[in-house]
Amino acid sequence: MMTMIRVTGHITKDGKLEVELPAGLPPGEVEVMVQVATHKQAVVEYDDTPFTLEEIAELLIPRPVPTKDIITGGWEDVDLGDSAEWVEKIRQQEENNRRLQW
């Protein structure tokens, strides 16, 4: 059986959770559930109102994009140097981040 307590915490930029726990809690395993506070403007509510035929017709109208606005290419357009070295560098960074979290 687990006792549930509610505390307010803070998530840091590097992804760590900081909380101030009440005194007297016994050491041991805990289950952590995080509820993230959202700002009013960031909340997107789902509207399950069906589309009207007019709205569907409007969405189906083709709207061509000028060719100058089309982004083409792939990795060759990104200045990465040696791609294998870049991938290894990113892999090492992720591994280091995982180690720092523990």
PDB file of N, CA and C in Angstrom:
ATOM      1  N   MET A   1       0.837  -1.177   0.000  1.00  0.00           N
ATOM      2  CA  MET A   1       0.000   0.000   0.000  1.00  0.00           C
ATOM      3  C   MET A   1       0.883   1.242   0.000  1.00  0.00           C
ATOM      4  N   MET A   2       0.527   2.235  -0.790  1.00  0.00           N
ATOM      5  CA  MET A   2       1.296   3.479  -0.864  1.00  0.00           C
ATOM      6  C   MET A   2       0.449   4.632  -0.351  1.00  0.00           C
ATOM      7  N   THR A   3       1.093   5.569   0.334  1.00  0.00           N
ATOM      8  CA  THR A   3       0.447   6.800   0.754  1.00  0.00           C
ATOM      9  C   THR A   3       0.729   7.847  -0.299  1.00  0.00           C
ATOM     10  N   MET A   4      -0.278   8.606  -0.676  1.00  0.00           N
ATOM     11  CA  MET A   4      -0.087   9.619  -1.701  1.00  0.00           C
ATOM     12  C   MET A   4      -0.006  10.995  -1.057  1.00  0.00           C
ATOM     13  N   ILE A   5       0.987  11.767  -1.459  1.00  0.00           N
ATOM     14  CA  ILE A   5       1.094  13.159  -1.037  1.00  0.00           C
ATOM     15  C   ILE A   5       1.161  14.012  -2.293  1.00  0.00           C
ATOM     16  N   ARG A   6       0.783  15.257  -2.181  1.00  0.00           N
ATOM     17  CA  ARG A   6       0.832  16.168  -3.321  1.00  0.00           C
ATOM     18  C   ARG A   6       1.823  17.278  -3.003  1.00  0.00           C
ATOM     19  N   VAL A   7       2.788  17.470  -3.886  1.00  0.00           N
ATOM     20  CA  VAL A   7       3.760  18.550  -3.747  1.00  0.00           C
ATOM     21  C   VAL A   7       3.849  19.277  -5.074  1.00  0.00           C
ATOM     22  N   THR A   8       4.284  20.520  -5.038  1.00  0.00           N
ATOM     23  CA  THR A   8       4.500  21.281  -6.260  1.00  0.00           C
ATOM     24  C   THR A   8       5.983  21.266  -6.559  1.00  0.00           C
ATOM     25  N   GLY A   9       6.330  21.038  -7.815  1.00  0.00           N
ATOM     26  CA  GLY A   9       7.730  20.980  -8.201  1.00  0.00           C
ATOM     27  C   GLY A   9       8.019  21.900  -9.362  1.00  0.00           C
ATOM     28  N   HIS A  10       9.226  21.767  -9.867  1.00  0.00           N
ATOM     29  CA  HIS A  10       9.693  22.601 -10.978  1.00  0.00           C
ATOM     30  C   HIS A  10      10.540  21.730 -11.892  1.00  0.00           C
ATOM     31  N   ILE A  11      10.273  21.787 -13.205  1.00  0.00           N
ATOM     32  CA  ILE A  11      11.094  21.079 -14.183  1.00  0.00           C
ATOM     33  C   ILE A  11      12.135  22.056 -14.697  1.00  0.00           C
ATOM     34  N   THR A  12      13.403  21.686 -14.587  1.00  0.00           N
ATOM     35  CA  THR A  12      14.489  22.553 -15.025  1.00  0.00           C
ATOM     36  C   THR A  12      14.678  22.444 -16.531  1.00  0.00           C
ATOM     37  N   LYS A  13      15.464  23.362 -17.085  1.00  0.00           N
ATOM     38  CA  LYS A  13      15.723  23.352 -18.533  1.00  0.00           C
ATOM     39  C   LYS A  13      16.392  22.064 -18.990  1.00  0.00           C
ATOM     40  N   ASP A  14      17.178  21.432 -18.104  1.00  0.00           N
ATOM     41  CA  ASP A  14      17.859  20.195 -18.500  1.00  0.00           C
ATOM     42  C   ASP A  14      17.026  18.957 -18.171  1.00  0.00           C
ATOM     43  N   GLY A  15      15.724  19.144 -17.878  1.00  0.00           N
ATOM     44  CA  GLY A  15      14.819  18.013 -17.739  1.00  0.00           C
ATOM     45  C   GLY A  15      14.804  17.352 -16.374  1.00  0.00           C
ATOM     46  N   LYS A  16      15.290  18.002 -15.352  1.00  0.00           N
ATOM     47  CA  LYS A  16      15.278  17.429 -14.016  1.00  0.00           C
ATOM     48  C   LYS A  16      14.070  17.964 -13.248  1.00  0.00           C
ATOM     49  N   LEU A  17      13.529  17.152 -12.368  1.00  0.00           N
ATOM     50  CA  LEU A  17      12.397  17.543 -11.550  1.00  0.00           C
ATOM     51  C   LEU A  17      12.902  17.912 -10.158  1.00  0.00           C
ATOM     52  N   GLU A  18      12.563  19.117  -9.710  1.00  0.00           N
ATOM     53  CA  GLU A  18      12.950  19.577  -8.379  1.00  0.00           C
ATOM     54  C   GLU A  18      11.686  19.705  -7.535  1.00  0.00           C
ATOM     55  N   VAL A  19      11.672  19.036  -6.375  1.00  0.00           N
ATOM     56  CA  VAL A  19      10.541  19.135  -5.454  1.00  0.00           C
ATOM     57  C   VAL A  19      11.079  19.230  -4.037  1.00  0.00           C
ATOM     58  N   GLU A  20      10.296  19.865  -3.188  1.00  0.00           N
ATOM     59  CA  GLU A  20      10.620  19.947  -1.767  1.00  0.00           C
ATOM     60  C   GLU A  20       9.675  18.980  -1.062  1.00  0.00           C
ATOM     61  N   LEU A  21      10.238  17.889  -0.495  1.00  0.00           N
ATOM     62  CA  LEU A  21       9.416  16.882   0.160  1.00  0.00           C
ATOM     63  C   LEU A  21       9.245  17.213   1.634  1.00  0.00           C
ATOM     64  N   PRO A  22       8.101  16.854   2.209  1.00  0.00           N
ATOM     65  CA  PRO A  22       7.901  17.091   3.633  1.00  0.00           C
ATOM     66  C   PRO A  22       8.842  16.219   4.469  1.00  0.00           C
ATOM     67  N   ALA A  23       9.198  16.712   5.634  1.00  0.00           N
ATOM     68  CA  ALA A  23      10.092  15.976   6.527  1.00  0.00           C
ATOM     69  C   ALA A  23       9.406  14.702   7.009  1.00  0.00           C
ATOM     70  N   GLY A  24      10.210  13.701   7.306  1.00  0.00           N
ATOM     71  CA  GLY A  24       9.707  12.479   7.921  1.00  0.00           C
ATOM     72  C   GLY A  24       9.296  11.381   6.965  1.00  0.00           C
ATOM     73  N   LEU A  25       9.472  11.583   5.659  1.00  0.00           N
ATOM     74  CA  LEU A  25       9.116  10.516   4.723  1.00  0.00           C
ATOM     75  C   LEU A  25      10.163   9.414   4.782  1.00  0.00           C
ATOM     76  N   PRO A  26       9.722   8.161   4.786  1.00  0.00           N
ATOM     77  CA  PRO A  26      10.690   7.064   4.850  1.00  0.00           C
ATOM     78  C   PRO A  26      11.400   6.901   3.508  1.00  0.00           C
ATOM     79  N   PRO A  27      12.662   6.472   3.524  1.00  0.00           N
ATOM     80  CA  PRO A  27      13.360   6.219   2.260  1.00  0.00           C
ATOM     81  C   PRO A  27      12.762   4.991   1.575  1.00  0.00           C
ATOM     82  N   GLY A  28      12.879   4.958   0.264  1.00  0.00           N
ATOM     83  CA  GLY A  28      12.389   3.804  -0.480  1.00  0.00           C
ATOM     84  C   GLY A  28      11.823   4.219  -1.825  1.00  0.00           C
ATOM     85  N   GLU A  29      11.299   3.221  -2.519  1.00  0.00           N
ATOM     86  CA  GLU A  29      10.779   3.438  -3.864  1.00  0.00           C
ATOM     87  C   GLU A  29       9.489   4.248  -3.822  1.00  0.00           C
ATOM     88  N   VAL A  30       9.314   5.123  -4.817  1.00  0.00           N
ATOM     89  CA  VAL A  30       8.100   5.919  -4.958  1.00  0.00           C
ATOM     90  C   VAL A  30       7.649   5.875  -6.408  1.00  0.00           C
ATOM     91  N   GLU A  31       6.395   6.172  -6.612  1.00  0.00           N
ATOM     92  CA  GLU A  31       5.866   6.316  -7.965  1.00  0.00           C
ATOM     93  C   GLU A  31       5.625   7.801  -8.179  1.00  0.00           C
ATOM     94  N   VAL A  32       6.116   8.343  -9.294  1.00  0.00           N
ATOM     95  CA  VAL A  32       6.001   9.769  -9.564  1.00  0.00           C
ATOM     96  C   VAL A  32       5.064   9.973 -10.743  1.00  0.00           C
ATOM     97  N   MET A  33       4.064  10.834 -10.566  1.00  0.00           N
ATOM     98  CA  MET A  33       3.169  11.225 -11.653  1.00  0.00           C
ATOM     99  C   MET A  33       3.319  12.724 -11.820  1.00  0.00           C
ATOM    100  N   VAL A  34       3.500  13.186 -13.054  1.00  0.00           N
ATOM    101  CA  VAL A  34       3.722  14.603 -13.309  1.00  0.00           C
ATOM    102  C   VAL A  34       2.526  15.170 -14.052  1.00  0.00           C
ATOM    103  N   GLN A  35       1.951  16.236 -13.512  1.00  0.00           N
ATOM    104  CA  GLN A  35       0.886  16.964 -14.186  1.00  0.00           C
ATOM    105  C   GLN A  35       1.454  18.314 -14.561  1.00  0.00           C
ATOM    106  N   VAL A  36       1.580  18.565 -15.856  1.00  0.00           N
ATOM    107  CA  VAL A  36       2.209  19.784 -16.340  1.00  0.00           C
ATOM    108  C   VAL A  36       1.171  20.898 -16.440  1.00  0.00           C
ATOM    109  N   ALA A  37       1.481  22.027 -15.822  1.00  0.00           N
ATOM    110  CA  ALA A  37       0.591  23.190 -15.906  1.00  0.00           C
ATOM    111  C   ALA A  37       0.690  23.785 -17.296  1.00  0.00           C
ATOM    112  N   THR A  38      -0.443  24.184 -17.854  1.00  0.00           N
ATOM    113  CA  THR A  38      -0.437  24.786 -19.186  1.00  0.00           C
ATOM    114  C   THR A  38      -0.944  26.210 -19.086  1.00  0.00           C
ATOM    115  N   HIS A  39      -0.506  27.030 -20.016  1.00  0.00           N
ATOM    116  CA  HIS A  39      -0.983  28.402 -20.103  1.00  0.00           C
ATOM    117  C   HIS A  39      -2.261  28.410 -20.918  1.00  0.00           C
ATOM    118  N   LYS A  40      -3.132  29.334 -20.640  1.00  0.00           N
ATOM    119  CA  LYS A  40      -4.409  29.409 -21.350  1.00  0.00           C
ATOM    120  C   LYS A  40      -4.238  29.412 -22.866  1.00  0.00           C
ATOM    121  N   GLN A  41      -3.273  30.204 -23.374  1.00  0.00           N
ATOM    122  CA  GLN A  41      -3.120  30.303 -24.820  1.00  0.00           C
ATOM    123  C   GLN A  41      -2.547  29.027 -25.429  1.00  0.00           C
ATOM    124  N   ALA A  42      -1.929  28.167 -24.604  1.00  0.00           N
ATOM    125  CA  ALA A  42      -1.348  26.945 -25.128  1.00  0.00           C
ATOM    126  C   ALA A  42      -2.369  25.803 -25.153  1.00  0.00           C
ATOM    127  N   VAL A  43      -3.499  25.979 -24.508  1.00  0.00           N
ATOM    128  CA  VAL A  43      -4.501  24.922 -24.451  1.00  0.00           C
ATOM    129  C   VAL A  43      -5.274  24.875 -25.762  1.00  0.00           C
ATOM    130  N   VAL A  44      -5.313  23.702 -26.361  1.00  0.00           N
ATOM    131  CA  VAL A  44      -6.079  23.507 -27.586  1.00  0.00           C
ATOM    132  C   VAL A  44      -7.211  22.555 -27.253  1.00  0.00           C
ATOM    133  N   GLU A  45      -8.412  23.017 -27.382  1.00  0.00           N
ATOM    134  CA  GLU A  45      -9.553  22.171 -27.070  1.00  0.00           C
ATOM    135  C   GLU A  45     -10.027  21.471 -28.334  1.00  0.00           C
ATOM    136  N   TYR A  46     -10.382  20.214 -28.183  1.00  0.00           N
ATOM    137  CA  TYR A  46     -10.869  19.430 -29.310  1.00  0.00           C
ATOM    138  C   TYR A  46     -12.336  19.742 -29.532  1.00  0.00           C
ATOM    139  N   ASP A  47     -12.657  20.082 -30.742  1.00  0.00           N
ATOM    140  CA  ASP A  47     -14.041  20.371 -31.102  1.00  0.00           C
ATOM    141  C   ASP A  47     -14.528  19.222 -31.976  1.00  0.00           C
ATOM    142  N   ASP A  48     -15.471  18.447 -31.489  1.00  0.00           N
ATOM    143  CA  ASP A  48     -15.932  17.288 -32.254  1.00  0.00           C
ATOM    144  C   ASP A  48     -17.130  17.603 -33.160  1.00  0.00           C
ATOM    145  N   THR A  49     -17.352  18.901 -33.392  1.00  0.00           N
ATOM    146  CA  THR A  49     -18.406  19.285 -34.325  1.00  0.00           C
ATOM    147  C   THR A  49     -18.004  18.860 -35.730  1.00  0.00           C
ATOM    148  N   PRO A  50     -18.865  18.139 -36.433  1.00  0.00           N
ATOM    149  CA  PRO A  50     -18.486  17.698 -37.783  1.00  0.00           C
ATOM    150  C   PRO A  50     -18.342  18.881 -38.740  1.00  0.00           C
ATOM    151  N   PHE A  51     -17.491  18.700 -39.746  1.00  0.00           N
ATOM    152  CA  PHE A  51     -17.333  19.723 -40.779  1.00  0.00           C
ATOM    153  C   PHE A  51     -18.607  19.805 -41.607  1.00  0.00           C
ATOM    154  N   THR A  52     -18.923  21.021 -42.047  1.00  0.00           N
ATOM    155  CA  THR A  52     -20.039  21.188 -42.983  1.00  0.00           C
ATOM    156  C   THR A  52     -19.526  20.888 -44.392  1.00  0.00           C
ATOM    157  N   LEU A  53     -20.438  20.692 -45.328  1.00  0.00           N
ATOM    158  CA  LEU A  53     -20.030  20.447 -46.714  1.00  0.00           C
ATOM    159  C   LEU A  53     -19.271  21.644 -47.272  1.00  0.00           C
ATOM    160  N   GLU A  54     -19.660  22.849 -46.870  1.00  0.00           N
ATOM    161  CA  GLU A  54     -18.968  24.053 -47.335  1.00  0.00           C
ATOM    162  C   GLU A  54     -17.531  24.084 -46.806  1.00  0.00           C
ATOM    163  N   GLU A  55     -17.343  23.718 -45.546  1.00  0.00           N
ATOM    164  CA  GLU A  55     -15.992  23.707 -44.965  1.00  0.00           C
ATOM    165  C   GLU A  55     -15.114  22.667 -45.658  1.00  0.00           C
ATOM    166  N   ILE A  56     -15.688  21.517 -45.957  1.00  0.00           N
ATOM    167  CA  ILE A  56     -14.937  20.470 -46.658  1.00  0.00           C
ATOM    168  C   ILE A  56     -14.551  20.953 -48.052  1.00  0.00           C
ATOM    169  N   ALA A  57     -15.498  21.578 -48.753  1.00  0.00           N
ATOM    170  CA  ALA A  57     -15.215  22.097 -50.095  1.00  0.00           C
ATOM    171  C   ALA A  57     -14.083  23.126 -50.036  1.00  0.00           C
ATOM    172  N   GLU A  58     -14.101  23.994 -49.042  1.00  0.00           N
ATOM    173  CA  GLU A  58     -13.051  25.009 -48.878  1.00  0.00           C
ATOM    174  C   GLU A  58     -11.683  24.355 -48.643  1.00  0.00           C
ATOM    175  N   LEU A  59     -11.652  23.311 -47.830  1.00  0.00           N
ATOM    176  CA  LEU A  59     -10.385  22.622 -47.539  1.00  0.00           C
ATOM    177  C   LEU A  59      -9.825  21.889 -48.765  1.00  0.00           C
ATOM    178  N   LEU A  60     -10.694  21.541 -49.698  1.00  0.00           N
ATOM    179  CA  LEU A  60     -10.259  20.795 -50.882  1.00  0.00           C
ATOM    180  C   LEU A  60      -9.807  21.681 -52.031  1.00  0.00           C
ATOM    181  N   ILE A  61      -9.886  22.993 -51.876  1.00  0.00           N
ATOM    182  CA  ILE A  61      -9.442  23.902 -52.933  1.00  0.00           C
ATOM    183  C   ILE A  61      -7.912  23.891 -52.970  1.00  0.00           C
ATOM    184  N   PRO A  62      -7.314  23.576 -54.139  1.00  0.00           N
ATOM    185  CA  PRO A  62      -5.854  23.576 -54.238  1.00  0.00           C
ATOM    186  C   PRO A  62      -5.297  24.992 -54.078  1.00  0.00           C
ATOM    187  N   ARG A  63      -4.246  25.105 -53.333  1.00  0.00           N
ATOM    188  CA  ARG A  63      -3.580  26.400 -53.152  1.00  0.00           C
ATOM    189  C   ARG A  63      -2.091  26.192 -53.442  1.00  0.00           C
ATOM    190  N   PRO A  64      -1.711  26.349 -54.711  1.00  0.00           N
ATOM    191  CA  PRO A  64      -0.321  26.102 -55.100  1.00  0.00           C
ATOM    192  C   PRO A  64       0.652  27.017 -54.349  1.00  0.00           C
ATOM    193  N   VAL A  65       1.835  26.488 -54.110  1.00  0.00           N
ATOM    194  CA  VAL A  65       2.908  27.240 -53.445  1.00  0.00           C
ATOM    195  C   VAL A  65       3.929  27.612 -54.510  1.00  0.00           C
ATOM    196  N   PRO A  66       4.386  28.860 -54.540  1.00  0.00           N
ATOM    197  CA  PRO A  66       5.417  29.228 -55.517  1.00  0.00           C
ATOM    198  C   PRO A  66       6.672  28.375 -55.332  1.00  0.00           C
ATOM    199  N   THR A  67       7.318  28.030 -56.446  1.00  0.00           N
ATOM    200  CA  THR A  67       8.493  27.161 -56.365  1.00  0.00           C
ATOM    201  C   THR A  67       9.599  27.768 -55.514  1.00  0.00           C
ATOM    202  N   LYS A  68       9.694  29.093 -55.449  1.00  0.00           N
ATOM    203  CA  LYS A  68      10.743  29.716 -54.630  1.00  0.00           C
ATOM    204  C   LYS A  68      10.540  29.437 -53.140  1.00  0.00           C
ATOM    205  N   ASP A  69       9.305  29.049 -52.740  1.00  0.00           N
ATOM    206  CA  ASP A  69       9.012  28.775 -51.338  1.00  0.00           C
ATOM    207  C   ASP A  69       9.145  27.297 -50.973  1.00  0.00           C
ATOM    208  N   ILE A  70       9.439  26.464 -51.966  1.00  0.00           N
ATOM    209  CA  ILE A  70       9.564  25.026 -51.710  1.00  0.00           C
ATOM    210  C   ILE A  70      11.003  24.726 -51.290  1.00  0.00           C
ATOM    211  N   ILE A  71      11.122  24.061 -50.149  1.00  0.00           N
ATOM    212  CA  ILE A  71      12.451  23.692 -49.638  1.00  0.00           C
ATOM    213  C   ILE A  71      12.800  22.325 -50.192  1.00  0.00           C
ATOM    214  N   THR A  72      13.932  22.252 -50.856  1.00  0.00           N
ATOM    215  CA  THR A  72      14.373  20.975 -51.414  1.00  0.00           C
ATOM    216  C   THR A  72      15.693  20.577 -50.779  1.00  0.00           C
ATOM    217  N   GLY A  73      16.103  19.381 -51.067  1.00  0.00           N
ATOM    218  CA  GLY A  73      17.387  18.913 -50.550  1.00  0.00           C
ATOM    219  C   GLY A  73      17.207  18.126 -49.272  1.00  0.00           C
ATOM    220  N   GLY A  74      18.309  17.754 -48.708  1.00  0.00           N
ATOM    221  CA  GLY A  74      18.296  16.957 -47.488  1.00  0.00           C
ATOM    222  C   GLY A  74      19.534  17.263 -46.686  1.00  0.00           C
ATOM    223  N   TRP A  75      20.176  16.217 -46.207  1.00  0.00           N
ATOM    224  CA  TRP A  75      21.359  16.368 -45.371  1.00  0.00           C
ATOM    225  C   TRP A  75      22.486  17.103 -46.085  1.00  0.00           C
ATOM    226  N   GLU A  76      22.540  16.968 -47.425  1.00  0.00           N
ATOM    227  CA  GLU A  76      23.630  17.625 -48.149  1.00  0.00           C
ATOM    228  C   GLU A  76      23.552  19.147 -48.052  1.00  0.00           C
ATOM    229  N   ASP A  77      22.371  19.664 -47.728  1.00  0.00           N
ATOM    230  CA  ASP A  77      22.212  21.108 -47.595  1.00  0.00           C
ATOM    231  C   ASP A  77      22.509  21.622 -46.187  1.00  0.00           C
ATOM    232  N   VAL A  78      22.782  20.717 -45.268  1.00  0.00           N
ATOM    233  CA  VAL A  78      23.065  21.091 -43.888  1.00  0.00           C
ATOM    234  C   VAL A  78      24.563  20.927 -43.652  1.00  0.00           C
ATOM    235  N   ASP A  79      25.202  21.942 -43.112  1.00  0.00           N
ATOM    236  CA  ASP A  79      26.646  21.901 -42.902  1.00  0.00           C
ATOM    237  C   ASP A  79      26.976  21.066 -41.669  1.00  0.00           C
ATOM    238  N   LEU A  80      27.116  19.750 -41.863  1.00  0.00           N
ATOM    239  CA  LEU A  80      27.403  18.841 -40.763  1.00  0.00           C
ATOM    240  C   LEU A  80      28.843  18.355 -40.762  1.00  0.00           C
ATOM    241  N   GLY A  81      29.540  18.559 -41.847  1.00  0.00           N
ATOM    242  CA  GLY A  81      30.861  17.944 -41.966  1.00  0.00           C
ATOM    243  C   GLY A  81      30.665  16.473 -42.281  1.00  0.00           C
ATOM    244  N   ASP A  82      31.438  15.621 -41.611  1.00  0.00           N
ATOM    245  CA  ASP A  82      31.319  14.171 -41.794  1.00  0.00           C
ATOM    246  C   ASP A  82      30.065  13.692 -41.066  1.00  0.00           C
ATOM    247  N   SER A  83      29.106  13.111 -41.791  1.00  0.00           N
ATOM    248  CA  SER A  83      27.838  12.712 -41.180  1.00  0.00           C
ATOM    249  C   SER A  83      28.021  11.625 -40.121  1.00  0.00           C
ATOM    250  N   ALA A  84      28.952  10.700 -40.341  1.00  0.00           N
ATOM    251  CA  ALA A  84      29.191   9.644 -39.352  1.00  0.00           C
ATOM    252  C   ALA A  84      29.732  10.236 -38.051  1.00  0.00           C
ATOM    253  N   GLU A  85      30.615  11.217 -38.159  1.00  0.00           N
ATOM    254  CA  GLU A  85      31.142  11.878 -36.954  1.00  0.00           C
ATOM    255  C   GLU A  85      30.037  12.636 -36.234  1.00  0.00           C
ATOM    256  N   TRP A  86      29.144  13.280 -36.999  1.00  0.00           N
ATOM    257  CA  TRP A  86      28.037  14.029 -36.401  1.00  0.00           C
ATOM    258  C   TRP A  86      27.106  13.096 -35.627  1.00  0.00           C
ATOM    259  N   VAL A  87      26.768  11.948 -36.240  1.00  0.00           N
ATOM    260  CA  VAL A  87      25.895  10.983 -35.576  1.00  0.00           C
ATOM    261  C   VAL A  87      26.546  10.474 -34.296  1.00  0.00           C
ATOM    262  N   GLU A  88      27.832  10.172 -34.333  1.00  0.00           N
ATOM    263  CA  GLU A  88      28.545   9.694 -33.147  1.00  0.00           C
ATOM    264  C   GLU A  88      28.555  10.773 -32.058  1.00  0.00           C
ATOM    265  N   LYS A  89      28.749  12.027 -32.440  1.00  0.00           N
ATOM    266  CA  LYS A  89      28.748  13.133 -31.476  1.00  0.00           C
ATOM    267  C   LYS A  89      27.388  13.246 -30.790  1.00  0.00           C
ATOM    268  N   ILE A  90      26.303  13.163 -31.560  1.00  0.00           N
ATOM    269  CA  ILE A  90      24.956  13.236 -30.996  1.00  0.00           C
ATOM    270  C   ILE A  90      24.697  12.039 -30.083  1.00  0.00           C
ATOM    271  N   ARG A  91      25.132  10.844 -30.506  1.00  0.00           N
ATOM    272  CA  ARG A  91      24.951   9.651 -29.679  1.00  0.00           C
ATOM    273  C   ARG A  91      25.667   9.808 -28.344  1.00  0.00           C
ATOM    274  N   GLN A  92      26.894  10.324 -28.370  1.00  0.00           N
ATOM    275  CA  GLN A  92      27.657  10.547 -27.138  1.00  0.00           C
ATOM    276  C   GLN A  92      26.959  11.568 -26.243  1.00  0.00           C
ATOM    277  N   GLN A  93      26.432  12.638 -26.827  1.00  0.00           N
ATOM    278  CA  GLN A  93      25.722  13.653 -26.033  1.00  0.00           C
ATOM    279  C   GLN A  93      24.509  13.043 -25.341  1.00  0.00           C
ATOM    280  N   GLU A  94      23.745  12.242 -26.070  1.00  0.00           N
ATOM    281  CA  GLU A  94      22.558  11.606 -25.479  1.00  0.00           C
ATOM    282  C   GLU A  94      22.963  10.637 -24.368  1.00  0.00           C
ATOM    283  N   GLU A  95      24.019   9.884 -24.575  1.00  0.00           N
ATOM    284  CA  GLU A  95      24.488   8.955 -23.540  1.00  0.00           C
ATOM    285  C   GLU A  95      24.931   9.714 -22.296  1.00  0.00           C
ATOM    286  N   ASN A  96      25.645  10.823 -22.480  1.00  0.00           N
ATOM    287  CA  ASN A  96      26.079  11.648 -21.354  1.00  0.00           C
ATOM    288  C   ASN A  96      24.883  12.238 -20.616  1.00  0.00           C
ATOM    289  N   ASN A  97      23.873  12.693 -21.351  1.00  0.00           N
ATOM    290  CA  ASN A  97      22.663  13.231 -20.727  1.00  0.00           C
ATOM    291  C   ASN A  97      21.967  12.179 -19.875  1.00  0.00           C
ATOM    292  N   ARG A  98      21.892  10.933 -20.383  1.00  0.00           N
ATOM    293  CA  ARG A  98      21.251   9.860 -19.605  1.00  0.00           C
ATOM    294  C   ARG A  98      22.047   9.586 -18.326  1.00  0.00           C
ATOM    295  N   ARG A  99      23.360   9.606 -18.411  1.00  0.00           N
ATOM    296  CA  ARG A  99      24.190   9.363 -17.218  1.00  0.00           C
ATOM    297  C   ARG A  99      23.988  10.459 -16.186  1.00  0.00           C
ATOM    298  N   LEU A 100      23.894  11.725 -16.633  1.00  0.00           N
ATOM    299  CA  LEU A 100      23.732  12.845 -15.718  1.00  0.00           C
ATOM    300  C   LEU A 100      22.390  12.779 -14.989  1.00  0.00           C
ATOM    301  N   GLN A 101      21.373  12.213 -15.625  1.00  0.00           N
ATOM    302  CA  GLN A 101      20.068  12.137 -15.007  1.00  0.00           C
ATOM    303  C   GLN A 101      20.038  11.137 -13.864  1.00  0.00           C
ATOM    304  N   TRP A 102      20.915  10.169 -13.876  1.00  0.00           N
ATOM    305  CA  TRP A 102      20.942   9.175 -12.810  1.00  0.00           C
ATOM    306  C   TRP A 102      22.031   9.537 -11.868  1.00  0.00           C
TER     307      TRP A 102
END
